Every structure is written in C-alpha cells, then in structure tokens.
Amino acid sequence: MAGRVLLVEDNPDDELLMKRALAQGGFRAPIYVAHDGDLAVQYLSGSGLFSDRSRYPNPSHMFLDLNIPGTPGLEVLRWVRSEGPVRSLPVVVLTGSEADRDLETARRLGADGYLVKPSDPEGLAYVAKSLLDWVVLGRPPGYPVKSA
C-alpha cells in the first residue's frame, strides 16, 4: 500500500481513534505523528528531532488538525504551501471546526480537502475511508465532509 502519512494531532484519543480506523480500513503504511504545529514544521523541514530521514522519511500525505498547540494548523498549511521541498505535499485538514471561516481559509491556502472529525465511531470510519481512498486510490476527499 502506498503512502506515508504525517498526522498532526494533539489529542491522544483522536490520534488513537484515527490510527485504529485507518488500520481497520486496511491501511498498513507508516503513520508518523506530530503533536503540535512546531513539531509538524520541524518534521517537514527535516530539522531538530526529525533530521534523520531514515527514521523520519518525507510523508506522502498530511492530515492536519487546525486547533493544535504551537504554530496553529492554518499557519502550518501556509508554511507548507510556501516551502519548495514540501509545497506540493497533499494536505487534508482534519479538524473539529465546522466554522465557515476556517474552511474558506484552508481552501484559499491550498488544502486538498477539509474533513470535520466526527465524534462517533461510524462517522470516523467514513472519514477514514475517505482518507484511504485519497492515499491509496488518489481520490481526494470532498469539500467539506461533515459528520451527520
């Protein structure tokens, strides 16, 4: 299965649920996690703790929460779209925010998708399937996918 994912998520419960949902959907590729925006930028730039690219390879996709400590998610997205080496990295915002302002800003900054994290297991399975289709089959998630 293709792809290496960088999951930028500060909530350990959401991290665990997302990993579990992806695994149940058949995703077996590595999932690397950055627990805040500053660590996400370090990971993507290959600096600090993440300078060893054999241990921390460049991801093929990033799932980005907006409400994270350190550099906010939208600023991480802005940084990604301005940096040559990662400018074309596919990014789906995966957040609890249903605010139209966040959706429009993410779209304007070049997010490839915007998914609202559901709180129920069935909704999370649907989101995980959308992400799997994107990583494996190249079908980007729609704008926006909100939980029912």
Protein backbone atom coordinates (compact mmCIF):
# COMPACT_ATOMS: atom_id res chain seq x y z
CA MET A 1 0.00 0.00 0.00
CA ALA A 2 1.42 3.36 -0.99
CA GLY A 3 1.98 6.35 1.18
CA ARG A 4 3.40 7.56 4.44
CA VAL A 5 1.19 9.82 6.48
CA LEU A 6 2.07 12.65 8.82
CA LEU A 7 -0.80 13.06 11.26
CA VAL A 8 -0.70 16.41 13.04
CA GLU A 9 -2.89 15.84 16.07
CA ASP A 10 -2.57 16.90 19.71
CA ASN A 11 -5.41 14.85 21.17
CA PRO A 12 -4.17 11.33 22.09
CA ASP A 13 -7.72 9.93 21.89
CA ASP A 14 -8.25 11.31 18.37
CA GLU A 15 -4.81 10.03 17.37
CA LEU A 16 -5.63 6.54 18.60
CA LEU A 17 -9.07 6.53 17.00
CA MET A 18 -7.71 7.72 13.66
CA LYS A 19 -4.92 5.13 13.65
CA ARG A 20 -7.40 2.40 14.60
CA ALA A 21 -9.92 3.44 11.93
CA LEU A 22 -7.22 3.57 9.24
CA ALA A 23 -5.87 0.16 10.29
CA GLN A 24 -9.37 -1.34 10.25
CA GLY A 25 -9.76 0.05 6.75
CA GLY A 26 -6.62 -1.82 5.67
CA PHE A 27 -4.06 1.00 5.81
CA ARG A 28 -0.70 -0.57 6.66
CA ALA A 29 1.73 2.20 5.72
CA PRO A 30 3.56 4.13 8.44
CA ILE A 31 1.72 6.92 10.26
CA TYR A 32 4.03 9.48 11.83
CA VAL A 33 2.61 11.89 14.39
CA ALA A 34 3.46 15.47 15.29
CA HIS A 35 1.63 16.62 18.42
CA ASP A 36 1.84 20.33 17.70
CA GLY A 37 2.38 22.76 14.84
CA ASP A 38 6.01 23.45 15.67
CA LEU A 39 6.84 19.73 15.55
CA ALA A 40 4.97 19.41 12.24
CA VAL A 41 7.14 22.14 10.70
CA GLN A 42 10.30 20.53 12.13
CA TYR A 43 9.26 17.15 10.76
CA LEU A 44 8.52 18.50 7.30
CA SER A 45 11.73 20.53 7.17
CA GLY A 46 13.81 17.61 8.46
CA SER A 47 15.19 19.62 11.35
CA GLY A 48 15.66 19.12 15.08
CA LEU A 49 14.43 15.73 16.29
CA PHE A 50 13.48 14.82 12.71
CA SER A 51 16.81 15.35 10.94
CA ASP A 52 17.33 11.62 10.39
CA ARG A 53 15.32 10.97 7.22
CA SER A 54 15.88 7.22 7.51
CA ARG A 55 13.82 7.30 10.72
CA TYR A 56 11.52 10.15 9.70
CA PRO A 57 11.02 9.99 5.93
CA ASN A 58 9.16 12.63 3.98
CA PRO A 59 5.44 11.92 4.12
CA SER A 60 3.37 11.40 1.02
CA HIS A 61 0.28 12.95 2.68
CA MET A 62 -0.52 15.05 5.73
CA PHE A 63 -3.67 15.04 7.85
CA LEU A 64 -3.68 18.35 9.72
CA ASP A 65 -5.72 19.38 12.74
CA LEU A 66 -6.31 23.13 12.97
CA ASN A 67 -6.58 23.56 16.72
CA ILE A 68 -3.15 22.46 17.88
CA PRO A 69 -0.58 23.91 20.30
CA GLY A 70 2.34 25.93 18.99
CA THR A 71 2.05 27.06 15.40
CA PRO A 72 -1.69 26.92 14.54
CA GLY A 73 -2.80 24.48 11.86
CA LEU A 74 -3.65 27.16 9.30
CA GLU A 75 -0.18 28.66 9.74
CA VAL A 76 1.36 25.20 9.23
CA LEU A 77 -0.64 24.95 6.00
CA ARG A 78 0.50 28.42 4.94
CA TRP A 79 4.12 27.40 5.65
CA VAL A 80 3.76 24.15 3.68
CA ARG A 81 2.44 25.98 0.62
CA SER A 82 5.35 28.44 0.73
CA GLU A 83 8.20 25.92 1.13
CA GLY A 84 9.72 24.49 -2.05
CA PRO A 85 10.50 20.95 -0.84
CA VAL A 86 7.01 20.31 0.58
CA ARG A 87 4.92 22.82 -1.39
CA SER A 88 3.11 20.08 -3.30
CA LEU A 89 2.52 17.83 -0.26
CA PRO A 90 -1.14 16.77 -0.31
CA VAL A 91 -2.84 18.10 2.84
CA VAL A 92 -6.27 17.34 4.21
CA VAL A 93 -7.42 19.40 7.15
CA LEU A 94 -8.92 17.00 9.68
CA THR A 95 -10.49 19.11 12.39
CA GLY A 96 -13.36 19.60 14.78
CA SER A 97 -14.02 23.08 13.40
CA GLU A 98 -17.12 23.49 11.27
CA ALA A 99 -16.56 27.27 11.05
CA ASP A 100 -17.03 28.56 7.50
CA ARG A 101 -14.11 30.95 8.12
CA ASP A 102 -11.73 28.03 8.78
CA LEU A 103 -13.00 26.11 5.75
CA GLU A 104 -12.60 29.10 3.42
CA THR A 105 -9.14 29.95 4.78
CA ALA A 106 -7.99 26.34 4.40
CA ARG A 107 -9.29 26.27 0.84
CA ARG A 108 -7.63 29.61 0.00
CA LEU A 109 -4.32 28.38 1.45
CA GLY A 110 -4.42 25.29 -0.76
CA ALA A 111 -5.73 22.45 1.40
CA ASP A 112 -6.64 19.47 -0.73
CA GLY A 113 -9.60 18.65 1.48
CA TYR A 114 -11.37 19.60 4.69
CA LEU A 115 -12.94 16.92 6.85
CA VAL A 116 -14.76 17.57 10.10
CA LYS A 117 -13.82 14.96 12.70
CA PRO A 118 -16.93 13.12 13.83
CA SER A 119 -17.35 12.07 17.43
CA ASP A 120 -18.93 8.69 16.67
CA PRO A 121 -17.13 5.52 15.51
CA GLU A 122 -19.29 5.15 12.37
CA GLY A 123 -18.54 8.71 11.28
CA LEU A 124 -14.86 8.21 11.96
CA ALA A 125 -14.88 5.05 9.86
CA TYR A 126 -16.41 7.07 7.00
CA VAL A 127 -13.72 9.75 7.33
CA ALA A 128 -11.00 7.09 7.47
CA LYS A 129 -12.41 5.50 4.29
CA SER A 130 -12.33 8.90 2.55
CA LEU A 131 -8.70 9.33 3.59
CA LEU A 132 -7.80 5.80 2.49
CA ASP A 133 -9.37 6.39 -0.92
CA TRP A 134 -7.26 9.51 -1.21
CA VAL A 135 -3.94 7.99 -0.13
CA VAL A 136 -4.35 4.68 -1.94
CA LEU A 137 -6.53 5.49 -4.95
CA GLY A 138 -5.73 9.17 -5.41
CA ARG A 139 -9.34 10.32 -4.94
CA PRO A 140 -9.22 13.47 -2.78
CA PRO A 141 -11.91 13.88 -0.13
CA GLY A 142 -14.70 16.31 -0.93
CA TYR A 143 -15.09 19.81 0.43
CA PRO A 144 -16.34 19.62 3.16
CA VAL A 145 -17.30 16.26 4.57
CA LYS A 146 -19.19 16.80 7.79
CA SER A 147 -20.44 14.21 10.20
CA ALA A 148 -24.17 13.52 10.17
